[in-house]
N, C-alpha and C. Protein backbone atom coordinates (compact mmCIF):
# COMPACT_ATOMS: atom_id res chain seq x y z
N MET A 1 -97.77 16.49 -27.45
CA MET A 1 -98.58 17.69 -27.26
C MET A 1 -99.99 17.45 -27.80
N SER A 2 -100.98 17.82 -27.04
CA SER A 2 -102.38 17.58 -27.44
C SER A 2 -102.92 18.76 -28.23
N MET A 3 -103.75 18.46 -29.23
CA MET A 3 -104.47 19.48 -29.96
C MET A 3 -105.74 19.79 -29.16
N THR A 4 -105.94 21.05 -28.81
CA THR A 4 -107.07 21.44 -27.97
C THR A 4 -107.94 22.46 -28.70
N GLY A 5 -109.25 22.38 -28.46
CA GLY A 5 -110.17 23.32 -29.07
C GLY A 5 -111.52 23.27 -28.37
N ILE A 6 -112.48 23.94 -28.95
CA ILE A 6 -113.84 24.00 -28.40
C ILE A 6 -114.76 23.19 -29.32
N LEU A 7 -115.53 22.31 -28.72
CA LEU A 7 -116.45 21.44 -29.45
C LEU A 7 -117.56 22.27 -30.10
N ARG A 8 -117.83 21.97 -31.37
CA ARG A 8 -118.91 22.67 -32.09
C ARG A 8 -119.37 21.80 -33.25
N LYS A 9 -120.57 22.11 -33.75
CA LYS A 9 -121.04 21.47 -34.98
C LYS A 9 -120.61 22.35 -36.14
N ASN A 10 -120.03 21.71 -37.15
CA ASN A 10 -119.58 22.50 -38.30
C ASN A 10 -120.74 22.75 -39.27
N GLU A 11 -120.42 23.36 -40.40
CA GLU A 11 -121.46 23.77 -41.36
C GLU A 11 -122.21 22.61 -42.00
N ILE A 12 -121.67 21.39 -41.93
CA ILE A 12 -122.39 20.23 -42.47
C ILE A 12 -122.97 19.35 -41.36
N GLY A 13 -123.00 19.89 -40.13
CA GLY A 13 -123.65 19.19 -39.02
C GLY A 13 -122.80 18.15 -38.32
N ARG A 14 -121.49 18.14 -38.58
CA ARG A 14 -120.59 17.20 -37.92
C ARG A 14 -119.93 17.87 -36.72
N TRP A 15 -119.65 17.08 -35.70
CA TRP A 15 -118.96 17.60 -34.51
C TRP A 15 -117.48 17.70 -34.79
N GLU A 16 -116.86 18.80 -34.30
CA GLU A 16 -115.44 19.01 -34.48
C GLU A 16 -114.89 19.92 -33.39
N TYR A 17 -113.59 19.91 -33.29
CA TYR A 17 -112.86 20.88 -32.46
C TYR A 17 -111.52 21.11 -33.13
N ALA A 18 -111.03 22.33 -33.08
CA ALA A 18 -109.73 22.67 -33.69
C ALA A 18 -109.61 22.11 -35.11
N ASP A 19 -110.68 22.19 -35.90
CA ASP A 19 -110.72 21.68 -37.28
C ASP A 19 -110.49 20.18 -37.38
N CYS A 20 -110.73 19.45 -36.31
CA CYS A 20 -110.62 17.99 -36.28
C CYS A 20 -112.03 17.42 -36.20
N GLU A 21 -112.52 16.85 -37.31
CA GLU A 21 -113.87 16.30 -37.35
C GLU A 21 -113.92 14.96 -36.62
N LEU A 22 -114.97 14.76 -35.84
CA LEU A 22 -115.12 13.56 -35.03
C LEU A 22 -116.12 12.59 -35.64
N THR A 23 -115.87 11.31 -35.45
CA THR A 23 -116.79 10.27 -35.90
C THR A 23 -116.69 9.09 -34.93
N CYS A 24 -117.53 8.08 -35.13
CA CYS A 24 -117.56 6.92 -34.23
C CYS A 24 -116.18 6.31 -34.03
N GLY A 25 -115.89 6.02 -32.77
CA GLY A 25 -114.64 5.36 -32.42
C GLY A 25 -113.48 6.29 -32.15
N ASP A 26 -113.63 7.58 -32.47
CA ASP A 26 -112.54 8.52 -32.21
C ASP A 26 -112.32 8.70 -30.72
N LEU A 27 -111.07 8.66 -30.30
CA LEU A 27 -110.72 8.94 -28.92
C LEU A 27 -110.60 10.44 -28.75
N VAL A 28 -111.13 10.94 -27.64
CA VAL A 28 -111.10 12.36 -27.34
C VAL A 28 -111.17 12.54 -25.83
N GLU A 29 -110.65 13.66 -25.36
CA GLU A 29 -110.83 14.04 -23.96
C GLU A 29 -111.71 15.28 -23.93
N LEU A 30 -112.73 15.26 -23.08
CA LEU A 30 -113.59 16.42 -22.89
C LEU A 30 -113.41 16.94 -21.48
N ASN A 31 -113.49 18.25 -21.33
CA ASN A 31 -113.41 18.85 -20.01
C ASN A 31 -114.84 19.10 -19.53
N ILE A 32 -115.32 18.21 -18.68
CA ILE A 32 -116.66 18.33 -18.09
C ILE A 32 -116.48 18.43 -16.58
N GLY A 33 -115.72 19.47 -16.19
CA GLY A 33 -115.34 19.67 -14.80
C GLY A 33 -113.92 19.20 -14.56
N ALA A 34 -113.49 18.22 -15.31
CA ALA A 34 -112.12 17.70 -15.34
C ALA A 34 -111.95 17.04 -16.70
N TRP A 35 -110.71 16.88 -17.13
CA TRP A 35 -110.48 16.20 -18.40
C TRP A 35 -110.77 14.72 -18.25
N ILE A 36 -111.69 14.22 -19.09
CA ILE A 36 -112.07 12.80 -19.06
C ILE A 36 -111.87 12.24 -20.46
N ARG A 37 -111.18 11.11 -20.53
CA ARG A 37 -110.92 10.46 -21.81
C ARG A 37 -112.06 9.50 -22.13
N GLY A 38 -112.48 9.48 -23.36
CA GLY A 38 -113.53 8.57 -23.81
C GLY A 38 -113.49 8.46 -25.32
N ARG A 39 -114.58 7.99 -25.87
CA ARG A 39 -114.65 7.88 -27.33
C ARG A 39 -116.00 8.38 -27.83
N ILE A 40 -116.03 8.70 -29.09
CA ILE A 40 -117.23 9.20 -29.73
C ILE A 40 -118.01 8.01 -30.30
N GLU A 41 -119.31 8.00 -30.05
CA GLU A 41 -120.21 6.98 -30.58
C GLU A 41 -121.50 7.65 -31.02
N HIS A 42 -122.31 6.93 -31.77
CA HIS A 42 -123.60 7.44 -32.24
C HIS A 42 -124.70 6.67 -31.52
N ASN A 43 -125.68 7.39 -30.99
CA ASN A 43 -126.75 6.74 -30.22
C ASN A 43 -128.03 6.53 -31.03
N GLY A 44 -127.96 6.72 -32.33
CA GLY A 44 -129.14 6.56 -33.18
C GLY A 44 -129.78 7.89 -33.54
N LYS A 45 -129.47 8.94 -32.78
CA LYS A 45 -129.99 10.28 -33.06
C LYS A 45 -128.86 11.27 -33.32
N ASP A 46 -127.81 11.18 -32.54
CA ASP A 46 -126.69 12.09 -32.67
C ASP A 46 -125.47 11.44 -32.02
N TYR A 47 -124.35 12.11 -32.11
CA TYR A 47 -123.13 11.58 -31.50
C TYR A 47 -123.10 11.90 -30.01
N CYS A 48 -122.42 11.03 -29.28
CA CYS A 48 -122.27 11.22 -27.83
C CYS A 48 -120.85 10.83 -27.43
N PHE A 49 -120.51 11.19 -26.21
CA PHE A 49 -119.21 10.87 -25.62
C PHE A 49 -119.43 9.68 -24.70
N LEU A 50 -118.72 8.59 -24.97
CA LEU A 50 -118.84 7.38 -24.16
C LEU A 50 -117.68 7.35 -23.18
N ALA A 51 -118.00 7.42 -21.89
CA ALA A 51 -116.99 7.44 -20.84
C ALA A 51 -116.30 6.08 -20.74
N PRO A 52 -115.14 6.03 -20.09
CA PRO A 52 -114.38 4.78 -20.00
C PRO A 52 -115.13 3.61 -19.38
N ASP A 53 -116.15 3.88 -18.57
CA ASP A 53 -116.89 2.76 -17.97
C ASP A 53 -117.73 2.02 -19.00
N GLY A 54 -117.87 2.61 -20.21
CA GLY A 54 -118.62 1.98 -21.29
C GLY A 54 -120.12 2.06 -21.15
N ALA A 55 -120.59 2.62 -20.03
CA ALA A 55 -122.03 2.69 -19.78
C ALA A 55 -122.55 4.12 -19.74
N THR A 56 -121.67 5.08 -19.53
CA THR A 56 -122.09 6.48 -19.41
C THR A 56 -121.92 7.18 -20.75
N ALA A 57 -123.04 7.55 -21.37
CA ALA A 57 -123.03 8.27 -22.64
C ALA A 57 -123.48 9.70 -22.39
N ILE A 58 -122.65 10.65 -22.76
CA ILE A 58 -122.95 12.07 -22.55
C ILE A 58 -123.20 12.70 -23.90
N PRO A 59 -124.38 13.30 -24.12
CA PRO A 59 -124.64 13.97 -25.39
C PRO A 59 -123.62 15.08 -25.62
N LEU A 60 -123.13 15.20 -26.85
CA LEU A 60 -122.19 16.28 -27.16
C LEU A 60 -122.93 17.60 -27.18
N ARG A 61 -122.25 18.66 -26.74
CA ARG A 61 -122.86 19.99 -26.78
C ARG A 61 -121.78 21.02 -27.11
N GLU A 62 -122.19 22.02 -27.82
CA GLU A 62 -121.26 23.06 -28.24
C GLU A 62 -120.67 23.78 -27.04
N GLY A 63 -119.40 24.14 -27.18
CA GLY A 63 -118.72 24.93 -26.16
C GLY A 63 -117.86 24.13 -25.20
N LEU A 64 -117.95 22.79 -25.22
CA LEU A 64 -117.12 21.99 -24.33
C LEU A 64 -115.67 22.01 -24.81
N PRO A 65 -114.71 22.22 -23.90
CA PRO A 65 -113.31 22.09 -24.29
C PRO A 65 -113.02 20.62 -24.64
N ALA A 66 -112.31 20.42 -25.73
CA ALA A 66 -111.97 19.07 -26.19
C ALA A 66 -110.51 19.05 -26.59
N ARG A 67 -109.89 17.86 -26.45
CA ARG A 67 -108.51 17.72 -26.89
C ARG A 67 -108.26 16.28 -27.31
N MET A 68 -107.24 16.13 -28.14
CA MET A 68 -106.83 14.81 -28.59
C MET A 68 -105.97 14.19 -27.49
N PRO A 69 -106.28 12.96 -27.09
CA PRO A 69 -105.45 12.31 -26.07
C PRO A 69 -104.03 12.08 -26.58
N ALA A 70 -103.10 12.03 -25.65
CA ALA A 70 -101.73 11.68 -26.01
C ALA A 70 -101.74 10.31 -26.66
N ARG A 71 -100.89 10.07 -27.63
CA ARG A 71 -100.88 8.82 -28.40
C ARG A 71 -100.69 7.59 -27.53
N LYS A 72 -99.97 7.71 -26.44
CA LYS A 72 -99.69 6.54 -25.62
C LYS A 72 -100.92 6.04 -24.88
N ARG A 73 -101.94 6.87 -24.79
CA ARG A 73 -103.17 6.45 -24.11
C ARG A 73 -104.03 5.65 -25.07
N VAL A 74 -104.56 4.56 -24.62
CA VAL A 74 -105.43 3.73 -25.45
C VAL A 74 -106.74 3.47 -24.74
N TRP A 75 -107.73 3.05 -25.48
CA TRP A 75 -109.05 2.73 -24.91
C TRP A 75 -109.01 1.33 -24.34
N PRO A 76 -109.54 1.08 -23.21
CA PRO A 76 -110.12 2.00 -22.25
C PRO A 76 -109.10 2.62 -21.36
């Protein structure tokens, strides 16, 4: 069962969903029209979502549905 929540910046400026704080290398699925699995990385200014192609970086924004991928799924 996946933990699902809404992406937001917490009171110390870290990205989280469902009380799960995100950092570089964390696997997550974001719903950006469909659920897409990727990982969290830092681009030098803020955190972003790196898509499975390894080339598409999407800046994180508040309000996106997010969930923890099932354990059996691995990167990429």
